[in-house]
Amino acid sequence: MASVLLPQLRTGWHVDQAIVTENEKLVIIRFGRKDDRQCMIMDELLSSIAEKVRNFVAIYLCDIDEVPDFNEMYELTDPMTVMFFYQNKHMMCDFGTGNNNKLNFVVDDKQEMIDILETIFRGARKNKGLVVSPYDYNHKRVS
């Protein structure tokens, strides 16, 4: 159960604080339901890479049933959503799926996820609001 190893954001205030107070690292928040299969797979992956990316990424989990505050604002309708923030700014990434606001599918390769995080972090440091993923996920398009 990898979700136990990653910090849980239990209130809307905690989510805001995670986004607002981190000035050096890329903040990623996995929104979803902890019992959902996609969330469990993504939590396992995020937990397995957390140590490798700890110098430039802060990883958090947020249950959308416990903390519904952001469901409408961030359109959290998918079973599992990963969003990226840097210095209190929402970072967008073009995955080739048509939705640049969030990652709403499972990435099942550790190195792929690390590459994505590095790309977003590098773009964020250059003040780019939108970066292009090093991988094209057009085949994983979610309607």
C-alpha atoms as a PDB file:
ATOM      1  CA  MET A   1       0.000   0.000   0.000  1.00  0.00           C
ATOM      2  CA  ALA A   2       2.169   2.804  -1.349  1.00  0.00           C
ATOM      3  CA  SER A   3      -0.237   5.606  -0.471  1.00  0.00           C
ATOM      4  CA  VAL A   4       0.787   5.256   3.189  1.00  0.00           C
ATOM      5  CA  LEU A   5       4.332   6.371   2.307  1.00  0.00           C
ATOM      6  CA  LEU A   6       3.320   9.588   0.530  1.00  0.00           C
ATOM      7  CA  PRO A   7       1.945  12.617   2.416  1.00  0.00           C
ATOM      8  CA  GLN A   8      -1.860  12.921   2.397  1.00  0.00           C
ATOM      9  CA  LEU A   9      -3.521  16.323   2.129  1.00  0.00           C
ATOM     10  CA  ARG A  10      -6.598  16.053   4.365  1.00  0.00           C
ATOM     11  CA  THR A  11      -8.199  19.502   3.934  1.00  0.00           C
ATOM     12  CA  GLY A  12      -8.488  22.233   1.326  1.00  0.00           C
ATOM     13  CA  TRP A  13      -6.202  24.362   3.480  1.00  0.00           C
ATOM     14  CA  HIS A  14      -3.493  21.668   3.348  1.00  0.00           C
ATOM     15  CA  VAL A  15      -3.785  21.506  -0.460  1.00  0.00           C
ATOM     16  CA  ASP A  16      -3.460  25.300  -0.691  1.00  0.00           C
ATOM     17  CA  GLN A  17      -0.471  25.323   1.657  1.00  0.00           C
ATOM     18  CA  ALA A  18       1.310  22.598  -0.321  1.00  0.00           C
ATOM     19  CA  ILE A  19       0.898  24.643  -3.507  1.00  0.00           C
ATOM     20  CA  VAL A  20       1.591  28.101  -2.044  1.00  0.00           C
ATOM     21  CA  THR A  21       4.501  27.452   0.316  1.00  0.00           C
ATOM     22  CA  GLU A  22       6.803  25.362  -1.906  1.00  0.00           C
ATOM     23  CA  ASN A  23       9.077  27.767  -3.791  1.00  0.00           C
ATOM     24  CA  GLU A  24      11.868  25.508  -5.034  1.00  0.00           C
ATOM     25  CA  LYS A  25      10.260  22.223  -6.034  1.00  0.00           C
ATOM     26  CA  LEU A  26       7.625  21.099  -8.478  1.00  0.00           C
ATOM     27  CA  VAL A  27       4.522  20.146  -6.484  1.00  0.00           C
ATOM     28  CA  ILE A  28       2.525  17.236  -7.819  1.00  0.00           C
ATOM     29  CA  ILE A  29      -0.791  16.252  -6.331  1.00  0.00           C
ATOM     30  CA  ARG A  30      -2.527  13.001  -7.171  1.00  0.00           C
ATOM     31  CA  PHE A  31      -6.242  13.650  -6.797  1.00  0.00           C
ATOM     32  CA  GLY A  32      -8.516  10.618  -6.670  1.00  0.00           C
ATOM     33  CA  ARG A  33      -9.934   7.902  -4.460  1.00  0.00           C
ATOM     34  CA  LYS A  34      -7.397   5.823  -2.528  1.00  0.00           C
ATOM     35  CA  ASP A  35      -9.367   2.610  -3.191  1.00  0.00           C
ATOM     36  CA  ASP A  36      -9.517   3.147  -6.961  1.00  0.00           C
ATOM     37  CA  ARG A  37      -7.364   0.737  -8.983  1.00  0.00           C
ATOM     38  CA  GLN A  38      -5.833   3.499 -11.155  1.00  0.00           C
ATOM     39  CA  CYS A  39      -4.951   5.493  -8.034  1.00  0.00           C
ATOM     40  CA  MET A  40      -3.321   2.481  -6.418  1.00  0.00           C
ATOM     41  CA  ILE A  41      -1.174   1.867  -9.506  1.00  0.00           C
ATOM     42  CA  MET A  42      -0.168   5.534  -9.748  1.00  0.00           C
ATOM     43  CA  ASP A  43       0.481   5.754  -5.988  1.00  0.00           C
ATOM     44  CA  GLU A  44       2.782   2.737  -6.247  1.00  0.00           C
ATOM     45  CA  LEU A  45       4.681   4.371  -9.114  1.00  0.00           C
ATOM     46  CA  LEU A  46       4.919   7.762  -7.377  1.00  0.00           C
ATOM     47  CA  SER A  47       6.086   6.117  -4.174  1.00  0.00           C
ATOM     48  CA  SER A  48       8.741   4.148  -6.038  1.00  0.00           C
ATOM     49  CA  ILE A  49      10.233   7.280  -7.655  1.00  0.00           C
ATOM     50  CA  ALA A  50       9.794   9.659  -4.696  1.00  0.00           C
ATOM     51  CA  GLU A  51      13.337   9.137  -3.425  1.00  0.00           C
ATOM     52  CA  LYS A  52      14.883   9.667  -6.874  1.00  0.00           C
ATOM     53  CA  VAL A  53      13.049  12.962  -7.505  1.00  0.00           C
ATOM     54  CA  ARG A  54      13.028  14.331  -3.948  1.00  0.00           C
ATOM     55  CA  ASN A  55      15.474  17.132  -4.803  1.00  0.00           C
ATOM     56  CA  PHE A  56      13.109  18.780  -7.275  1.00  0.00           C
ATOM     57  CA  VAL A  57       9.622  17.310  -6.685  1.00  0.00           C
ATOM     58  CA  ALA A  58       7.228  17.266  -3.720  1.00  0.00           C
ATOM     59  CA  ILE A  59       4.578  14.542  -4.116  1.00  0.00           C
ATOM     60  CA  TYR A  60       1.221  14.633  -2.333  1.00  0.00           C
ATOM     61  CA  LEU A  61      -2.002  12.637  -2.409  1.00  0.00           C
ATOM     62  CA  CYS A  62      -5.503  14.043  -1.996  1.00  0.00           C
ATOM     63  CA  ASP A  63      -8.736  12.038  -1.746  1.00  0.00           C
ATOM     64  CA  ILE A  64     -11.453  13.847  -3.739  1.00  0.00           C
ATOM     65  CA  ASP A  65     -14.190  12.510  -1.447  1.00  0.00           C
ATOM     66  CA  GLU A  66     -12.463  13.700   1.754  1.00  0.00           C
ATOM     67  CA  VAL A  67     -11.499  17.056   0.193  1.00  0.00           C
ATOM     68  CA  PRO A  68     -14.128  17.992  -2.428  1.00  0.00           C
ATOM     69  CA  ASP A  69     -13.070  21.680  -2.404  1.00  0.00           C
ATOM     70  CA  PHE A  70     -11.197  21.469  -5.725  1.00  0.00           C
ATOM     71  CA  ASN A  71     -13.382  18.996  -7.636  1.00  0.00           C
ATOM     72  CA  GLU A  72     -15.205  21.691  -9.586  1.00  0.00           C
ATOM     73  CA  MET A  73     -12.351  24.186  -9.949  1.00  0.00           C
ATOM     74  CA  TYR A  74      -9.906  21.599 -11.326  1.00  0.00           C
ATOM     75  CA  GLU A  75     -12.606  19.497 -13.051  1.00  0.00           C
ATOM     76  CA  LEU A  76     -11.681  16.397 -11.061  1.00  0.00           C
ATOM     77  CA  THR A  77     -14.143  14.020 -12.696  1.00  0.00           C
ATOM     78  CA  ASP A  78     -11.666  11.277 -13.604  1.00  0.00           C
ATOM     79  CA  PRO A  79     -10.948   8.396 -11.198  1.00  0.00           C
ATOM     80  CA  MET A  80      -7.309   9.535 -10.979  1.00  0.00           C
ATOM     81  CA  THR A  81      -5.784  12.902 -11.815  1.00  0.00           C
ATOM     82  CA  VAL A  82      -2.243  14.205 -11.342  1.00  0.00           C
ATOM     83  CA  MET A  83      -1.743  17.972 -11.383  1.00  0.00           C
ATOM     84  CA  PHE A  84       1.471  19.974 -11.380  1.00  0.00           C
ATOM     85  CA  PHE A  85       2.264  23.288  -9.653  1.00  0.00           C
ATOM     86  CA  TYR A  86       5.384  25.425  -9.395  1.00  0.00           C
ATOM     87  CA  GLN A  87       5.718  28.541  -7.237  1.00  0.00           C
ATOM     88  CA  ASN A  88       1.939  28.723  -6.788  1.00  0.00           C
ATOM     89  CA  LYS A  89       1.287  28.424 -10.542  1.00  0.00           C
ATOM     90  CA  HIS A  90      -0.562  25.615 -12.249  1.00  0.00           C
ATOM     91  CA  MET A  91       1.773  23.967 -14.753  1.00  0.00           C
ATOM     92  CA  MET A  92       0.266  22.537 -17.911  1.00  0.00           C
ATOM     93  CA  CYS A  93       1.757  19.745 -19.989  1.00  0.00           C
ATOM     94  CA  ASP A  94       0.787  18.665 -23.500  1.00  0.00           C
ATOM     95  CA  PHE A  95       0.567  14.879 -23.385  1.00  0.00           C
ATOM     96  CA  GLY A  96      -1.088  14.649 -26.813  1.00  0.00           C
ATOM     97  CA  THR A  97      -4.439  13.795 -25.229  1.00  0.00           C
ATOM     98  CA  GLY A  98      -6.098  17.166 -25.801  1.00  0.00           C
ATOM     99  CA  ASN A  99      -6.188  17.959 -22.071  1.00  0.00           C
ATOM    100  CA  ASN A 100      -3.145  19.989 -21.069  1.00  0.00           C
ATOM    101  CA  ASN A 101      -4.370  20.791 -17.537  1.00  0.00           C
ATOM    102  CA  LYS A 102      -3.728  17.423 -15.937  1.00  0.00           C
ATOM    103  CA  LEU A 103      -2.495  13.885 -16.349  1.00  0.00           C
ATOM    104  CA  ASN A 104      -5.607  11.698 -16.150  1.00  0.00           C
ATOM    105  CA  PHE A 105      -4.228   8.302 -17.145  1.00  0.00           C
ATOM    106  CA  VAL A 106      -1.785   5.893 -15.563  1.00  0.00           C
ATOM    107  CA  VAL A 107       1.878   6.114 -16.514  1.00  0.00           C
ATOM    108  CA  ASP A 108       3.222   2.664 -15.724  1.00  0.00           C
ATOM    109  CA  ASP A 109       6.931   3.191 -16.377  1.00  0.00           C
ATOM    110  CA  LYS A 110       9.108   4.761 -13.668  1.00  0.00           C
ATOM    111  CA  GLN A 111      11.622   6.338 -16.033  1.00  0.00           C
ATOM    112  CA  GLU A 112       8.837   7.778 -18.192  1.00  0.00           C
ATOM    113  CA  MET A 113       7.329   9.487 -15.154  1.00  0.00           C
ATOM    114  CA  ILE A 114      10.712  10.800 -14.032  1.00  0.00           C
ATOM    115  CA  ASP A 115      11.312  12.189 -17.545  1.00  0.00           C
ATOM    116  CA  ILE A 116       7.902  13.890 -17.497  1.00  0.00           C
ATOM    117  CA  LEU A 117       8.587  15.454 -14.094  1.00  0.00           C
ATOM    118  CA  GLU A 118      12.041  16.648 -15.192  1.00  0.00           C
ATOM    119  CA  THR A 119      10.562  18.208 -18.339  1.00  0.00           C
ATOM    120  CA  ILE A 120       7.846  20.035 -16.412  1.00  0.00           C
ATOM    121  CA  PHE A 121      10.341  21.193 -13.769  1.00  0.00           C
ATOM    122  CA  ARG A 122      12.777  22.517 -16.393  1.00  0.00           C
ATOM    123  CA  GLY A 123       9.963  24.357 -18.172  1.00  0.00           C
ATOM    124  CA  ALA A 124       8.688  25.784 -14.889  1.00  0.00           C
ATOM    125  CA  ARG A 125      12.150  27.125 -14.010  1.00  0.00           C
ATOM    126  CA  LYS A 126      12.122  28.944 -17.370  1.00  0.00           C
ATOM    127  CA  ASN A 127       8.694  30.469 -16.579  1.00  0.00           C
ATOM    128  CA  LYS A 128       6.894  28.425 -19.202  1.00  0.00           C
ATOM    129  CA  GLY A 129       3.273  27.754 -18.277  1.00  0.00           C
ATOM    130  CA  LEU A 130       2.924  24.946 -20.822  1.00  0.00           C
ATOM    131  CA  VAL A 131       5.501  22.306 -21.657  1.00  0.00           C
ATOM    132  CA  VAL A 132       5.390  19.431 -24.125  1.00  0.00           C
ATOM    133  CA  SER A 133       5.710  15.939 -22.689  1.00  0.00           C
ATOM    134  CA  PRO A 134       8.720  13.943 -23.895  1.00  0.00           C
ATOM    135  CA  TYR A 135       6.218  11.160 -24.680  1.00  0.00           C
ATOM    136  CA  ASP A 136       3.065  11.271 -26.812  1.00  0.00           C
ATOM    137  CA  TYR A 137       0.069   9.663 -25.138  1.00  0.00           C
ATOM    138  CA  ASN A 138      -2.406  10.271 -27.962  1.00  0.00           C
ATOM    139  CA  HIS A 139      -3.291   6.564 -27.825  1.00  0.00           C
ATOM    140  CA  LYS A 140      -4.387   6.991 -24.181  1.00  0.00           C
ATOM    141  CA  ARG A 141      -6.888   9.730 -24.996  1.00  0.00           C
ATOM    142  CA  VAL A 142      -9.568   9.855 -22.311  1.00  0.00           C
ATOM    143  CA  SER A 143     -12.878  11.409 -23.315  1.00  0.00           C
END
